[in-house]
Amino acid sequence: RAARRALAEQLNFPPLLAFTDAKVAPFKPSSSLGAPLPPNVKLVTLTSNYADIHDGQLLLRLSHLYGAGEHPTLSQPATVDLSQ
């Protein structure tokens, strides 16, 4: 089940980059995470679109990929430490 779920996520919801016509510095891939996300957690949104009205803060949304009882281990609660 876990392999099928991971494959479905990759096929149906691949990472999406958004672009603009604005003059910006060249993109340099980087990671703000100190450790990889758990296998049952997915990054949904990371944006600065609302930073101007929220004192420069970013919007971060994570999603748990499994419902309760769907998988013996991957449906358990996950912890992500954003302080690292």
N, C-alpha and C. Protein backbone atom coordinates (compact mmCIF):
# COMPACT_ATOMS: atom_id res chain seq x y z
N ARG A 1 0.80 -1.20 0.00
CA ARG A 1 0.00 0.00 0.00
C ARG A 1 0.84 1.26 0.00
N ALA A 2 1.89 1.27 0.80
CA ALA A 2 2.71 2.47 0.92
C ALA A 2 3.37 2.82 -0.41
N ALA A 3 3.89 1.82 -1.10
CA ALA A 3 4.54 2.07 -2.39
C ALA A 3 3.54 2.60 -3.41
N ARG A 4 2.33 2.04 -3.39
CA ARG A 4 1.31 2.50 -4.32
C ARG A 4 0.89 3.93 -4.01
N ARG A 5 0.77 4.26 -2.73
CA ARG A 5 0.40 5.62 -2.34
C ARG A 5 1.47 6.61 -2.76
N ALA A 6 2.74 6.27 -2.53
CA ALA A 6 3.84 7.15 -2.91
C ALA A 6 3.87 7.36 -4.42
N LEU A 7 3.66 6.31 -5.19
CA LEU A 7 3.63 6.43 -6.64
C LEU A 7 2.45 7.28 -7.09
N ALA A 8 1.30 7.11 -6.49
CA ALA A 8 0.12 7.91 -6.84
C ALA A 8 0.38 9.38 -6.56
N GLU A 9 1.02 9.70 -5.45
CA GLU A 9 1.36 11.09 -5.13
C GLU A 9 2.30 11.67 -6.18
N GLN A 10 3.30 10.90 -6.59
CA GLN A 10 4.25 11.39 -7.59
C GLN A 10 3.57 11.63 -8.93
N LEU A 11 2.69 10.73 -9.33
CA LEU A 11 2.03 10.84 -10.63
C LEU A 11 0.94 11.92 -10.64
N ASN A 12 0.14 11.97 -9.60
CA ASN A 12 -1.01 12.87 -9.59
C ASN A 12 -0.71 14.26 -9.05
N PHE A 13 0.30 14.38 -8.21
CA PHE A 13 0.61 15.66 -7.59
C PHE A 13 2.11 15.95 -7.61
N PRO A 14 2.70 16.07 -8.80
CA PRO A 14 4.14 16.33 -8.85
C PRO A 14 4.43 17.75 -8.35
N PRO A 15 5.66 18.04 -7.94
CA PRO A 15 6.01 19.40 -7.53
C PRO A 15 5.73 20.38 -8.66
N LEU A 16 5.25 21.55 -8.31
CA LEU A 16 4.90 22.56 -9.29
C LEU A 16 5.66 23.84 -8.97
N LEU A 17 6.43 24.32 -9.92
CA LEU A 17 7.12 25.58 -9.77
C LEU A 17 6.31 26.66 -10.46
N ALA A 18 6.18 27.80 -9.84
CA ALA A 18 5.47 28.92 -10.44
C ALA A 18 6.50 29.98 -10.83
N PHE A 19 6.27 30.63 -11.96
CA PHE A 19 7.21 31.61 -12.48
C PHE A 19 6.54 32.95 -12.67
N THR A 20 7.35 33.99 -12.78
CA THR A 20 6.86 35.34 -12.98
C THR A 20 7.71 36.04 -14.03
N ASP A 21 7.17 37.10 -14.60
CA ASP A 21 7.93 37.91 -15.56
C ASP A 21 8.83 38.93 -14.87
N ALA A 22 8.68 39.06 -13.57
CA ALA A 22 9.46 40.03 -12.81
C ALA A 22 10.95 39.68 -12.87
N LYS A 23 11.77 40.70 -12.77
CA LYS A 23 13.21 40.50 -12.75
C LYS A 23 13.62 40.03 -11.35
N VAL A 24 14.09 38.81 -11.26
CA VAL A 24 14.52 38.24 -9.99
C VAL A 24 15.88 37.58 -10.17
N ALA A 25 16.55 37.35 -9.08
CA ALA A 25 17.84 36.68 -9.12
C ALA A 25 17.66 35.24 -9.61
N PRO A 26 18.66 34.68 -10.25
CA PRO A 26 18.55 33.28 -10.71
C PRO A 26 18.23 32.35 -9.54
N PHE A 27 17.45 31.34 -9.83
CA PHE A 27 17.03 30.37 -8.81
C PHE A 27 18.18 29.45 -8.46
N LYS A 28 18.43 29.30 -7.18
CA LYS A 28 19.44 28.37 -6.69
C LYS A 28 18.72 27.37 -5.78
N PRO A 29 18.65 26.11 -6.17
CA PRO A 29 17.97 25.12 -5.33
C PRO A 29 18.56 25.11 -3.92
N SER A 30 17.68 25.02 -2.94
CA SER A 30 18.11 24.97 -1.55
C SER A 30 17.02 24.30 -0.73
N SER A 31 17.35 24.02 0.50
CA SER A 31 16.37 23.44 1.42
C SER A 31 16.41 24.21 2.72
N SER A 32 15.24 24.52 3.23
CA SER A 32 15.15 25.21 4.52
C SER A 32 14.95 24.21 5.65
N LEU A 33 14.86 22.96 5.32
CA LEU A 33 14.63 21.92 6.32
C LEU A 33 15.96 21.34 6.78
N GLY A 34 16.07 21.11 8.08
CA GLY A 34 17.28 20.52 8.63
C GLY A 34 17.32 19.02 8.44
N ALA A 35 16.16 18.42 8.13
CA ALA A 35 16.06 16.97 7.94
C ALA A 35 14.95 16.71 6.94
N PRO A 36 14.98 15.57 6.26
CA PRO A 36 13.90 15.24 5.33
C PRO A 36 12.55 15.13 6.06
N LEU A 37 11.48 15.39 5.34
CA LEU A 37 10.15 15.19 5.91
C LEU A 37 9.91 13.70 6.12
N PRO A 38 9.11 13.35 7.11
CA PRO A 38 8.75 11.94 7.29
C PRO A 38 8.07 11.41 6.01
N PRO A 39 8.13 10.11 5.75
CA PRO A 39 7.56 9.56 4.52
C PRO A 39 6.04 9.72 4.42
N ASN A 40 5.38 10.04 5.51
CA ASN A 40 3.93 10.20 5.48
C ASN A 40 3.50 11.67 5.50
N VAL A 41 4.45 12.57 5.24
CA VAL A 41 4.16 14.01 5.23
C VAL A 41 4.60 14.59 3.88
N LYS A 42 3.78 15.49 3.35
CA LYS A 42 4.07 16.10 2.06
C LYS A 42 4.02 17.62 2.19
N LEU A 43 4.96 18.30 1.54
CA LEU A 43 4.92 19.75 1.44
C LEU A 43 3.84 20.13 0.45
N VAL A 44 2.87 20.92 0.88
CA VAL A 44 1.77 21.35 0.01
C VAL A 44 2.04 22.76 -0.51
N THR A 45 2.41 23.68 0.38
CA THR A 45 2.61 25.07 -0.01
C THR A 45 3.76 25.68 0.78
N LEU A 46 4.60 26.41 0.09
CA LEU A 46 5.58 27.28 0.71
C LEU A 46 5.60 28.54 -0.14
N THR A 47 5.08 29.64 0.39
CA THR A 47 4.97 30.85 -0.41
C THR A 47 5.22 32.10 0.43
N SER A 48 5.69 33.13 -0.24
CA SER A 48 5.86 34.43 0.39
C SER A 48 4.81 35.41 -0.11
N ASN A 49 3.77 34.91 -0.76
CA ASN A 49 2.74 35.78 -1.34
C ASN A 49 2.09 36.70 -0.33
N TYR A 50 2.03 36.30 0.91
CA TYR A 50 1.34 37.08 1.94
C TYR A 50 2.32 37.76 2.90
N ALA A 51 3.59 37.74 2.58
CA ALA A 51 4.60 38.27 3.49
C ALA A 51 4.42 39.77 3.73
N ASP A 52 4.00 40.51 2.72
CA ASP A 52 3.84 41.96 2.87
C ASP A 52 2.84 42.33 3.95
N ILE A 53 1.81 41.54 4.13
CA ILE A 53 0.77 41.88 5.12
C ILE A 53 0.91 41.08 6.42
N HIS A 54 1.96 40.26 6.50
CA HIS A 54 2.17 39.45 7.71
C HIS A 54 3.61 39.57 8.20
N ASP A 55 4.15 40.77 8.18
CA ASP A 55 5.49 41.05 8.72
C ASP A 55 6.58 40.13 8.17
N GLY A 56 6.52 39.83 6.88
CA GLY A 56 7.56 39.04 6.23
C GLY A 56 7.47 37.54 6.43
N GLN A 57 6.43 37.07 7.09
CA GLN A 57 6.30 35.63 7.35
C GLN A 57 5.91 34.88 6.08
N LEU A 58 6.32 33.63 6.02
CA LEU A 58 5.97 32.74 4.92
C LEU A 58 4.76 31.90 5.29
N LEU A 59 4.05 31.41 4.29
CA LEU A 59 2.96 30.47 4.51
C LEU A 59 3.49 29.07 4.18
N LEU A 60 3.41 28.17 5.15
CA LEU A 60 3.86 26.79 5.00
C LEU A 60 2.68 25.88 5.30
N ARG A 61 2.37 24.98 4.36
CA ARG A 61 1.31 23.99 4.60
C ARG A 61 1.89 22.61 4.33
N LEU A 62 1.68 21.73 5.30
CA LEU A 62 2.08 20.33 5.19
C LEU A 62 0.84 19.47 5.23
N SER A 63 0.91 18.29 4.64
CA SER A 63 -0.23 17.38 4.62
C SER A 63 0.21 15.99 5.03
N HIS A 64 -0.61 15.36 5.86
CA HIS A 64 -0.40 13.96 6.21
C HIS A 64 -1.03 13.13 5.10
N LEU A 65 -0.31 12.17 4.58
CA LEU A 65 -0.75 11.44 3.39
C LEU A 65 -1.70 10.28 3.66
N TYR A 66 -1.80 9.84 4.89
CA TYR A 66 -2.57 8.63 5.18
C TYR A 66 -3.68 8.92 6.18
N GLY A 67 -4.81 8.30 5.98
CA GLY A 67 -5.92 8.40 6.91
C GLY A 67 -5.75 7.43 8.07
N ALA A 68 -6.51 7.65 9.12
CA ALA A 68 -6.45 6.78 10.30
C ALA A 68 -6.74 5.34 9.91
N GLY A 69 -5.86 4.42 10.30
CA GLY A 69 -6.04 3.00 10.03
C GLY A 69 -5.74 2.56 8.61
N GLU A 70 -5.28 3.47 7.77
CA GLU A 70 -5.01 3.11 6.37
C GLU A 70 -3.72 2.30 6.21
N HIS A 71 -2.76 2.50 7.08
CA HIS A 71 -1.49 1.78 7.02
C HIS A 71 -1.03 1.57 8.47
N PRO A 72 -0.42 0.42 8.77
CA PRO A 72 -0.05 0.14 10.17
C PRO A 72 0.92 1.15 10.78
N THR A 73 1.85 1.66 10.02
CA THR A 73 2.81 2.62 10.59
C THR A 73 2.67 4.02 9.99
N LEU A 74 2.44 4.11 8.69
CA LEU A 74 2.42 5.42 8.04
C LEU A 74 1.18 6.24 8.36
N SER A 75 0.14 5.63 8.89
CA SER A 75 -1.04 6.41 9.27
C SER A 75 -0.93 6.95 10.70
N GLN A 76 0.17 6.65 11.37
CA GLN A 76 0.38 7.18 12.72
C GLN A 76 0.70 8.68 12.64
N PRO A 77 0.46 9.41 13.72
CA PRO A 77 0.79 10.85 13.73
C PRO A 77 2.27 11.07 13.41
N ALA A 78 2.53 12.17 12.75
CA ALA A 78 3.91 12.53 12.36
C ALA A 78 4.31 13.82 13.05
N THR A 79 5.58 13.96 13.32
CA THR A 79 6.13 15.18 13.92
C THR A 79 7.17 15.77 12.98
N VAL A 80 7.07 17.08 12.76
CA VAL A 80 8.04 17.79 11.95
C VAL A 80 8.59 18.94 12.80
N ASP A 81 9.88 18.97 13.00
CA ASP A 81 10.52 20.02 13.80
C ASP A 81 11.02 21.11 12.86
N LEU A 82 10.36 22.25 12.86
CA LEU A 82 10.73 23.35 11.98
C LEU A 82 11.83 24.23 12.56
N SER A 83 12.23 23.95 13.79
CA SER A 83 13.26 24.78 14.42
C SER A 83 14.67 24.38 14.00
N GLN A 84 14.83 23.26 13.35
CA GLN A 84 16.17 22.79 12.95
C GLN A 84 16.62 23.49 11.69
